[in-house]
Amino acid sequence: MSEPMLKVGAAEAQRNFGLYQDKALVQPVAITRNGRPRTVMISIEEYERLKRRDRQVMRSEDMPQDLADAILHAEPSEESKRYDHEVR
């Protein structure tokens, strides 16, 4: 979705729900109450794209040993050295 977010009042969204459903297919539609955004209407494709980006979280104790070893032995890239001054 590359279009900017459209903002519409709740009463307007309710009166013209079909119109804003159609608009939500190409851009997010923020539904406002008292001028403040409360909810966002987006297409199912955008929702599913965002859900795929969810991360799986696990406790370090539950991590497979090969993954723990890979993290333990990871080395920063040469490019990252340019940021060393930020942590000293």
Protein backbone atom coordinates (compact mmCIF):
# COMPACT_ATOMS: atom_id res chain seq x y z
CA MET A 1 0.00 0.00 0.00
CA SER A 2 1.66 3.17 -1.15
CA GLU A 3 -1.20 5.64 -0.80
CA PRO A 4 -1.28 7.86 2.31
CA MET A 5 -3.75 6.96 5.03
CA LEU A 6 -7.23 8.37 4.53
CA LYS A 7 -8.91 9.66 7.71
CA VAL A 8 -12.67 9.66 8.08
CA GLY A 9 -15.02 10.23 10.98
CA ALA A 10 -16.92 7.26 12.40
CA ALA A 11 -20.33 8.65 11.41
CA GLU A 12 -19.18 9.27 7.84
CA ALA A 13 -17.64 5.80 7.64
CA GLN A 14 -20.89 4.28 8.88
CA ARG A 15 -23.01 6.21 6.37
CA ASN A 16 -20.77 5.24 3.44
CA PHE A 17 -19.32 1.95 4.63
CA GLY A 18 -19.17 0.36 1.17
CA LEU A 19 -17.25 3.33 -0.23
CA TYR A 20 -14.61 3.17 2.50
CA GLN A 21 -14.39 -0.62 2.19
CA ASP A 22 -13.50 -0.11 -1.46
CA LYS A 23 -10.97 2.61 -0.61
CA ALA A 24 -9.36 0.30 1.98
CA LEU A 25 -8.45 -2.07 -0.85
CA VAL A 26 -5.85 0.44 -2.09
CA GLN A 27 -5.04 2.52 0.99
CA PRO A 28 -5.52 2.28 4.75
CA VAL A 29 -8.58 4.10 6.08
CA ALA A 30 -8.32 5.47 9.62
CA ILE A 31 -11.68 5.71 11.38
CA THR A 32 -11.64 8.64 13.80
CA ARG A 33 -13.68 9.49 16.86
CA ASN A 34 -13.58 13.03 18.18
CA GLY A 35 -10.87 13.72 15.60
CA ARG A 36 -8.55 10.99 16.90
CA PRO A 37 -7.81 7.78 14.99
CA ARG A 38 -9.25 4.70 16.74
CA THR A 39 -9.25 1.93 14.14
CA VAL A 40 -7.82 1.26 10.69
CA MET A 41 -9.51 -0.54 7.83
CA ILE A 42 -7.14 -2.38 5.46
CA SER A 43 -7.48 -4.97 2.71
CA ILE A 44 -7.30 -8.64 3.59
CA GLU A 45 -4.13 -8.91 1.49
CA GLU A 46 -2.44 -6.21 3.57
CA TYR A 47 -3.63 -7.83 6.80
CA GLU A 48 -2.25 -11.21 5.71
CA ARG A 49 1.04 -9.61 4.67
CA LEU A 50 1.38 -8.04 8.10
CA LYS A 51 0.48 -11.29 9.86
CA ARG A 52 3.22 -13.13 7.93
CA ARG A 53 5.69 -10.67 9.41
CA ASP A 54 4.79 -11.66 12.99
CA ARG A 55 7.75 -13.10 14.80
CA GLN A 56 7.92 -16.33 16.67
CA VAL A 57 9.15 -15.80 20.21
CA MET A 58 10.82 -18.43 22.34
CA ARG A 59 12.67 -18.52 25.62
CA SER A 60 16.42 -18.97 25.32
CA GLU A 61 16.08 -22.20 27.33
CA ASP A 62 13.81 -23.60 24.60
CA MET A 63 16.10 -22.64 21.73
CA PRO A 64 17.60 -25.47 19.69
CA GLN A 65 21.28 -25.94 20.59
CA ASP A 66 22.48 -25.41 17.00
CA LEU A 67 20.77 -22.00 16.91
CA ALA A 68 22.23 -21.03 20.31
CA ASP A 69 25.69 -22.05 19.08
CA ALA A 70 25.26 -20.02 15.88
CA ILE A 71 24.34 -16.92 17.88
CA LEU A 72 27.18 -17.48 20.35
CA HIS A 73 29.76 -17.73 17.56
CA ALA A 74 28.35 -14.98 15.31
CA GLU A 75 30.76 -12.25 14.26
CA PRO A 76 29.78 -8.72 13.20
CA SER A 77 30.34 -7.79 9.57
CA GLU A 78 33.20 -5.50 8.57
CA GLU A 79 30.64 -2.84 7.65
CA SER A 80 29.34 -2.75 11.21
CA LYS A 81 32.70 -1.47 12.51
CA ARG A 82 31.75 2.02 11.37
CA TYR A 83 29.27 2.10 14.27
CA ASP A 84 31.77 1.06 16.97
CA HIS A 85 32.08 4.65 18.17
CA GLU A 86 28.40 4.61 19.20
CA VAL A 87 28.94 1.94 21.87
CA ARG A 88 32.22 3.09 23.36
